[in-house]
Protein backbone atom coordinates (compact mmCIF):
# COMPACT_ATOMS: atom_id res chain seq x y z
CA MET A 1 -20.77 -7.00 -37.20
CA TYR A 2 -18.94 -5.39 -34.31
CA TYR A 3 -15.59 -6.93 -35.11
CA ASN A 4 -15.63 -5.45 -38.63
CA HIS A 5 -16.20 -1.96 -37.31
CA PRO A 6 -13.17 0.41 -37.35
CA LYS A 7 -11.21 0.31 -34.15
CA ASP A 8 -11.91 3.10 -31.70
CA PRO A 9 -9.03 5.03 -30.03
CA TRP A 10 -11.07 5.55 -26.85
CA LEU A 11 -11.67 1.82 -26.53
CA ALA A 12 -7.88 1.42 -26.70
CA VAL A 13 -7.57 3.96 -23.86
CA ASN A 14 -10.13 2.08 -21.76
CA LEU A 15 -8.28 -1.19 -22.27
CA SER A 16 -4.93 0.35 -21.28
CA MET A 17 -6.57 1.78 -18.16
CA PHE A 18 -6.91 -1.81 -16.95
CA PHE A 19 -3.23 -2.43 -17.58
CA PRO A 20 -0.68 -0.77 -19.89
CA GLY A 21 -0.17 -2.62 -23.14
CA LEU A 22 -3.72 -3.92 -23.59
CA GLY A 23 -4.70 -0.94 -25.74
CA GLN A 24 -1.62 -1.46 -27.89
CA PHE A 25 -2.50 -5.14 -28.36
CA TYR A 26 -6.01 -4.06 -29.43
CA ALA A 27 -4.46 -1.62 -31.92
CA GLY A 28 -2.29 -4.40 -33.35
CA ASN A 29 0.96 -2.87 -32.08
CA TYR A 30 2.17 -6.02 -30.37
CA PHE A 31 5.76 -4.90 -29.85
CA GLN A 32 4.68 -1.69 -28.07
CA GLY A 33 2.11 -3.68 -26.14
CA PHE A 34 4.78 -6.10 -24.96
CA LEU A 35 7.02 -3.22 -23.87
CA PHE A 36 4.29 -1.37 -21.98
CA PHE A 37 2.87 -4.51 -20.36
CA ASN A 38 6.20 -5.86 -19.11
CA GLY A 39 7.56 -2.40 -18.35
CA GLN A 40 4.65 -1.66 -16.03
CA ILE A 41 5.16 -4.98 -14.24
CA LEU A 42 8.84 -4.11 -13.81
CA TRP A 43 8.10 -0.68 -12.28
CA LEU A 44 5.46 -2.16 -9.98
CA VAL A 45 7.83 -4.86 -8.74
CA LEU A 46 10.65 -2.37 -8.19
CA THR A 47 8.31 0.04 -6.37
CA VAL A 48 6.94 -2.59 -4.00
CA TRP A 49 10.35 -4.15 -3.34
CA HIS A 50 12.17 -0.91 -2.62
CA ILE A 51 9.42 0.51 -0.40
CA PHE A 52 8.55 -2.59 1.61
CA ALA A 53 11.57 -4.91 1.48
CA ALA A 54 14.06 -4.63 4.33
CA LYS A 55 16.99 -4.07 1.96
CA GLY A 56 15.09 -1.81 -0.42
CA ASN A 57 15.68 1.93 -0.61
CA THR A 58 12.50 3.88 0.09
CA VAL A 59 13.62 6.88 -1.95
CA THR A 60 14.30 4.64 -4.94
CA GLY A 61 10.87 3.09 -4.39
CA PHE A 62 9.14 6.48 -4.62
CA ILE A 63 11.17 7.32 -7.74
CA CYS A 64 10.04 4.03 -9.30
CA LEU A 65 6.47 4.84 -8.29
CA GLY A 66 6.70 8.20 -10.05
CA ILE A 67 8.22 6.65 -13.17
CA GLY A 68 5.60 3.89 -13.13
CA THR A 69 2.83 6.49 -12.91
CA LEU A 70 4.25 8.42 -15.88
CA PHE A 71 4.67 5.12 -17.71
CA TYR A 72 1.00 4.29 -17.07
CA PHE A 73 -0.31 7.60 -18.45
CA SER A 74 2.10 7.39 -21.38
CA SER A 75 0.58 4.03 -22.27
CA LEU A 76 -2.89 5.62 -22.38
CA ILE A 77 -1.71 8.35 -24.74
CA GLU A 78 0.23 5.93 -26.93
CA ALA A 79 -2.72 3.52 -27.09
CA TYR A 80 -4.99 6.35 -28.20
CA PHE A 81 -2.69 7.55 -30.98
CA SER A 82 -1.95 3.99 -32.11
CA VAL A 83 -5.58 3.62 -33.17
CA TYR A 84 -6.05 7.27 -34.18
CA LYS A 85 -3.19 7.06 -36.67
CA LEU A 86 -4.37 3.63 -37.81
CA ARG A 87 -7.79 5.05 -38.66
CA ASN A 88 -6.21 7.93 -40.67
CA ASP A 89 -9.61 9.61 -40.77
CA PRO A 90 -9.58 13.44 -41.10
CA ASN A 91 -13.13 13.54 -39.76
CA LEU A 92 -12.25 11.64 -36.59
CA GLU A 93 -12.36 13.98 -33.60
CA LYS A 94 -9.68 13.68 -30.95
CA ILE A 95 -12.25 14.69 -28.34
CA PRO A 96 -15.62 13.59 -29.75
CA ARG A 97 -18.10 16.47 -29.60
CA ARG A 98 -20.19 16.51 -32.75
CA GLN A 99 -20.77 12.77 -32.69
CA LYS A 100 -20.98 11.26 -29.23
CA ASN A 101 -18.68 8.32 -28.47
CA LEU A 102 -19.65 5.59 -26.00
CA TRP A 103 -16.04 4.71 -25.22
CA PHE A 104 -15.17 8.33 -24.45
CA ALA A 105 -18.24 8.50 -22.17
CA ILE A 106 -17.04 5.35 -20.39
CA PHE A 107 -13.52 6.76 -20.07
CA ILE A 108 -14.61 9.96 -18.30
CA THR A 109 -17.06 7.97 -16.17
CA ARG A 110 -14.18 5.85 -14.92
CA LEU A 111 -12.42 9.08 -13.97
CA LEU A 112 -15.51 10.40 -12.14
CA PRO A 113 -18.92 8.70 -12.29
CA GLY A 114 -21.54 11.08 -13.61
CA LEU A 115 -19.32 12.85 -16.15
CA GLY A 116 -20.36 10.43 -18.88
CA HIS A 117 -24.02 11.27 -18.39
CA LEU A 118 -23.27 14.99 -18.41
CA TYR A 119 -21.35 14.41 -21.65
CA LEU A 120 -24.51 12.81 -23.12
CA GLN A 121 -26.50 15.79 -21.83
CA LYS A 122 -28.32 13.73 -19.22
CA GLN A 123 -27.82 16.39 -16.56
CA THR A 124 -30.26 15.12 -13.95
CA ILE A 125 -28.87 11.61 -13.66
CA GLY A 126 -25.33 12.88 -14.14
CA LEU A 127 -25.57 15.25 -11.18
CA PHE A 128 -27.32 12.54 -9.14
CA VAL A 129 -24.50 10.05 -9.78
CA LEU A 130 -21.85 12.69 -9.05
CA THR A 131 -23.51 13.51 -5.73
CA LEU A 132 -23.97 9.85 -4.83
CA ASN A 133 -20.34 9.08 -5.59
CA ILE A 134 -19.08 12.04 -3.54
CA ILE A 135 -21.21 10.91 -0.59
CA SER A 136 -19.81 7.38 -0.85
CA LEU A 137 -16.24 8.77 -0.88
CA ILE A 138 -16.95 10.87 2.21
CA MET A 139 -18.45 7.87 3.99
CA TYR A 140 -15.34 5.73 3.45
CA ASP A 141 -14.00 6.75 6.84
CA PHE A 142 -17.22 5.87 8.67
CA LEU A 143 -18.58 2.69 7.07
CA THR A 144 -16.37 0.16 5.31
CA ILE A 145 -19.33 -1.00 3.21
CA PHE A 146 -18.87 2.17 1.14
CA LEU A 147 -15.57 0.74 -0.08
CA PHE A 148 -17.83 -1.74 -1.85
CA ILE A 149 -20.46 0.81 -2.91
CA SER A 150 -18.21 3.17 -4.87
CA PRO A 151 -17.01 0.54 -7.42
CA LEU A 152 -20.61 -0.64 -7.73
CA ILE A 153 -21.71 2.91 -8.59
CA THR A 154 -19.02 3.16 -11.27
CA ALA A 155 -19.86 -0.22 -12.82
CA ALA A 156 -23.63 0.40 -12.75
CA THR A 157 -23.20 3.88 -14.22
CA ILE A 158 -21.14 2.53 -17.11
CA TYR A 159 -23.71 -0.13 -17.88
CA HIS A 160 -26.47 2.48 -17.77
CA LEU A 161 -24.49 4.58 -20.28
CA TYR A 162 -24.48 1.59 -22.58
CA LEU A 163 -28.25 1.18 -22.23
CA ILE A 164 -29.12 4.82 -22.95
CA PHE A 165 -26.52 5.45 -25.65
CA PRO A 166 -28.27 6.23 -28.98
CA ARG A 167 -28.60 3.17 -31.20
CA GLY A 168 -27.02 3.21 -34.61
CA ARG A 169 -24.07 5.45 -33.73
CA ILE A 170 -21.76 2.51 -33.09
CA PRO A 171 -22.33 -1.25 -32.69
CA ARG A 172 -23.53 -2.21 -29.22
CA PRO A 173 -20.92 -4.68 -27.84
CA LYS A 174 -22.95 -6.02 -24.94
CA PHE A 175 -20.58 -8.82 -23.97
CA LEU A 176 -17.59 -6.46 -23.89
CA ILE A 177 -19.50 -3.93 -21.77
CA ILE A 178 -20.60 -6.60 -19.28
CA MET A 179 -17.06 -7.96 -19.02
CA MET A 180 -15.66 -4.45 -18.61
CA THR A 181 -18.11 -3.47 -15.86
CA GLY A 182 -17.38 -6.72 -14.02
CA ILE A 183 -13.63 -6.09 -14.15
CA ILE A 184 -14.07 -2.44 -13.10
CA PHE A 185 -16.17 -3.50 -10.11
CA THR A 186 -13.72 -6.25 -9.09
CA PHE A 187 -10.62 -4.06 -9.46
CA GLY A 188 -12.37 -1.20 -7.66
CA VAL A 189 -13.17 -3.36 -4.64
CA ILE A 190 -9.61 -4.74 -4.52
CA ILE A 191 -8.06 -1.26 -4.77
CA ASN A 192 -10.40 0.20 -2.13
CA TYR A 193 -9.79 -2.61 0.36
CA TYR A 194 -6.04 -2.80 -0.31
CA PRO A 195 -5.13 -0.08 2.26
CA GLN A 196 -7.00 -2.02 4.95
CA TRP A 197 -5.18 -5.21 3.99
CA LEU A 198 -1.88 -3.32 4.01
CA GLU A 199 -2.61 -1.87 7.45
CA LYS A 200 -3.14 -5.38 8.82
CA HIS A 201 0.28 -6.50 7.61
CA PHE A 202 2.44 -3.38 7.73
CA ASP A 203 2.66 -0.24 9.80
CA LYS A 204 5.04 2.64 10.41
CA PHE A 205 6.25 4.03 13.70
CA ILE A 206 7.96 7.35 14.41
CA ILE A 207 10.71 7.07 17.02
CA PRO A 208 9.74 9.41 19.89
CA SER A 209 12.82 9.20 22.14
CA GLN A 210 16.52 8.36 22.42
CA SER A 211 15.92 5.02 24.15
CA MET A 212 17.07 3.06 21.08
CA THR A 213 20.14 5.08 20.12
CA PRO A 214 22.45 4.58 18.36
CA THR A 215 20.36 2.14 16.30
CA LEU A 216 17.33 4.43 16.11
CA THR A 217 17.15 8.16 16.66
CA ILE A 218 14.29 10.59 17.24
CA ASN A 219 12.02 11.04 14.17
CA ASP A 220 13.30 7.94 12.40
CA ILE A 221 10.34 6.28 10.66
CA VAL A 222 10.54 2.52 11.01
CA PHE A 223 8.47 0.02 9.06
CA VAL A 224 6.76 -2.66 11.12
CA LYS A 225 5.76 -6.08 9.81
CA LYS A 226 2.67 -7.47 11.51
CA SER A 227 1.59 -11.11 11.51
CA PRO A 228 -0.50 -13.22 13.90
CA THR A 229 2.03 -16.03 13.46
CA TYR A 230 5.08 -13.86 14.18
CA VAL A 231 7.47 -15.44 16.69
CA PRO A 232 9.88 -12.87 18.20
CA GLN A 233 13.52 -13.90 18.25
CA THR A 234 16.51 -12.65 20.21
CA GLY A 235 17.82 -9.49 18.57
CA HIS A 236 14.54 -8.53 16.90
CA ILE A 237 13.34 -4.97 17.40
CA VAL A 238 9.64 -4.96 18.21
CA VAL A 239 6.88 -2.39 18.54
CA PHE A 240 4.31 -3.02 21.27
CA THR A 241 1.44 -1.40 23.13
CA PRO A 242 1.76 -0.78 26.89
CA SER A 243 1.21 -3.82 29.10
CA GLU A 244 -0.34 -3.57 32.57
CA ASN A 245 3.13 -3.46 34.13
CA ILE A 246 4.06 -0.49 31.96
CA LYS A 247 0.84 1.34 32.83
CA LYS A 248 1.55 0.89 36.51
CA ALA A 249 5.14 2.08 36.18
CA ASP A 250 4.38 5.17 34.07
CA PRO A 251 1.23 7.28 34.58
CA ASN A 252 2.07 9.18 31.36
CA VAL A 253 2.02 6.00 29.32
CA SER A 254 2.63 6.20 25.56
CA ASN A 255 0.52 4.49 22.92
CA TYR A 256 3.44 2.51 21.53
CA TYR A 257 6.96 1.49 22.55
CA ILE A 258 9.88 0.06 20.63
CA LYS A 259 12.62 -2.11 22.18
CA ARG A 260 14.92 -5.02 21.35
CA ILE A 261 14.18 -8.62 22.27
CA ILE A 262 17.00 -9.86 24.51
CA ALA A 263 15.58 -13.10 25.90
CA THR A 264 12.78 -15.38 24.70
CA PRO A 265 10.69 -17.95 26.64
CA GLY A 266 12.66 -20.76 28.26
CA ASN A 267 15.98 -18.88 28.29
CA GLU A 268 17.90 -17.71 31.33
CA ILE A 269 18.84 -14.05 31.51
CA GLU A 270 21.10 -12.14 33.88
CA ILE A 271 22.73 -8.70 33.81
CA LYS A 272 25.73 -7.95 36.00
CA GLN A 273 28.92 -5.91 35.85
CA GLY A 274 27.84 -4.20 32.62
CA GLN A 275 27.32 -7.49 30.76
CA VAL A 276 24.19 -9.32 29.59
CA TYR A 277 24.34 -13.09 30.06
CA LEU A 278 22.01 -15.29 28.05
CA ASN A 279 21.96 -18.87 29.31
CA ARG A 280 25.05 -17.93 31.37
CA THR A 281 26.95 -16.92 28.22
CA PRO A 282 27.91 -13.27 27.68
CA ILE A 283 26.42 -11.87 24.50
CA GLN A 284 28.14 -9.40 22.20
CA GLU A 285 26.09 -6.25 21.62
CA ALA A 286 27.77 -3.91 19.15
CA TYR A 287 24.53 -1.96 18.80
CA ILE A 288 24.30 -0.54 22.36
CA ALA A 289 25.21 3.03 23.35
CA GLU A 290 26.99 1.92 26.52
CA SER A 291 27.12 -1.01 28.93
CA PRO A 292 24.21 -1.29 31.37
CA GLN A 293 24.96 0.30 34.75
CA TYR A 294 22.43 -1.81 36.64
CA ARG A 295 21.98 -5.37 37.75
CA LEU A 296 19.22 -7.80 36.86
CA GLU A 297 19.00 -11.01 38.87
CA SER A 298 19.07 -14.30 37.02
CA MET A 299 15.66 -15.52 35.85
CA ILE A 300 14.08 -17.99 33.43
CA ILE A 301 11.74 -16.28 30.94
CA PRO A 302 8.26 -17.85 31.25
CA THR A 303 6.05 -18.90 28.34
CA ASN A 304 4.63 -16.08 26.17
CA HIS A 305 6.87 -13.47 27.79
CA TYR A 306 9.99 -11.66 26.64
CA LEU A 307 12.70 -9.52 28.15
CA VAL A 308 13.16 -6.33 26.09
CA LEU A 309 15.74 -3.59 26.49
CA GLY A 310 16.51 -0.31 24.74
CA ASP A 311 19.86 -0.02 22.96
CA ASN A 312 20.49 3.13 24.99
CA ARG A 313 20.67 0.87 28.04
CA ASN A 314 21.00 3.51 30.75
CA ASP A 315 18.32 5.83 29.40
CA SER A 316 15.56 3.44 28.45
CA PHE A 317 12.19 2.67 30.02
CA ASP A 318 12.24 -1.09 29.51
CA SER A 319 12.12 -4.53 31.14
CA HIS A 320 14.77 -3.72 33.73
CA ILE A 321 12.25 -1.20 35.15
CA TRP A 322 8.79 -2.63 34.57
CA GLY A 323 9.42 -6.35 34.04
CA LEU A 324 8.72 -8.84 31.29
CA LEU A 325 6.71 -8.12 28.15
CA PRO A 326 3.69 -10.37 27.41
CA ARG A 327 3.38 -11.68 23.85
CA ASP A 328 -0.16 -10.40 23.30
CA VAL A 329 0.85 -6.70 23.32
CA ILE A 330 3.49 -7.07 20.59
CA VAL A 331 2.34 -5.35 17.39
CA GLY A 332 5.10 -6.61 15.13
CA GLN A 333 8.76 -6.56 14.13
CA ALA A 334 10.43 -3.30 13.14
CA TYR A 335 12.47 -4.44 10.16
CA LYS A 336 13.56 -1.28 8.36
CA ILE A 337 14.28 2.42 8.80
CA GLY A 338 12.30 3.82 5.89
CA TRP A 339 12.90 7.55 6.40
CA PRO A 340 14.70 10.00 6.42
CA PRO A 341 16.74 9.19 3.29
CA GLN A 342 20.16 9.35 4.96
CA ARG A 343 19.01 6.88 7.63
CA ILE A 344 17.43 4.21 5.39
CA GLN A 345 18.70 0.77 6.36
CA SER A 346 17.60 -2.75 7.20
CA LEU A 347 17.06 -3.72 10.83
CA SER A 348 16.53 -7.40 10.06
CA ASN A 349 20.22 -8.31 10.16
CA GLN A 350 20.46 -7.18 13.78
């Protein structure tokens, strides 16, 4: 029976490739498995929080990402040696050459589809799968369906390895292979489509001018949170595409702009004598470079429109020049300076 067969170190590696700790659990090293499993979760959480959270430090996030990556590969090595030492077999090859190993073939196939077939000396199909996979990777940028095709190629190739692997060498764990190929396909699709999901919810914007100083300076990289349900509030810094008013006012229009929301729909706004009045009350603006040296007549902001100004009030191409900003051109809220390191800070508390 399969379950009575000696444990295989390359099966442990394959299990830990799904998530650190699983290979250690398979080897019976439950304490190490617990440490690797929970440790990887910890590094993932710290990475995501520091990179994407407003109060997180991007540099710390990248450090956590590096540590998490090393932690992941360490778990693969430890999982392998956990079983290798458990077997205590002097004839057991670290890299199986004399006697082919299905789990090693699956491992290298997961790294690059086609390598497993070359390992089994099936050169024709191995080269075919390699070529097909390379084509699918190249086509990622042209057809999104290939984000689906690449994991399918990997899963199908692994199952084909199982079918052609010589009988009698090791037990043929069909259920485990089917479950593994299903997980590989599912994870592959999720990982391939994740950047598209991320792009729909987050973006980054490089500050091109001094219009938002002192809050933002040239070459600051700000992180932008995008959501179809986002409701801009007074004080929010927003990134937006040029409206028709902007296009008319500036023939050399930029692709994106970044300004601060000063007044939202239904509120009265007026600028006079260097002071901004919101609903006839002067507002305190510690973030501006200097008081505005222009006048803006009192007005009520209509529905789905906003008044936006640059923090560098007297050197900013904003609503006091081209008018109100319509809601439908707002990309999202700039909530964090993510780079350079000395400039990292949250913008949400402004």
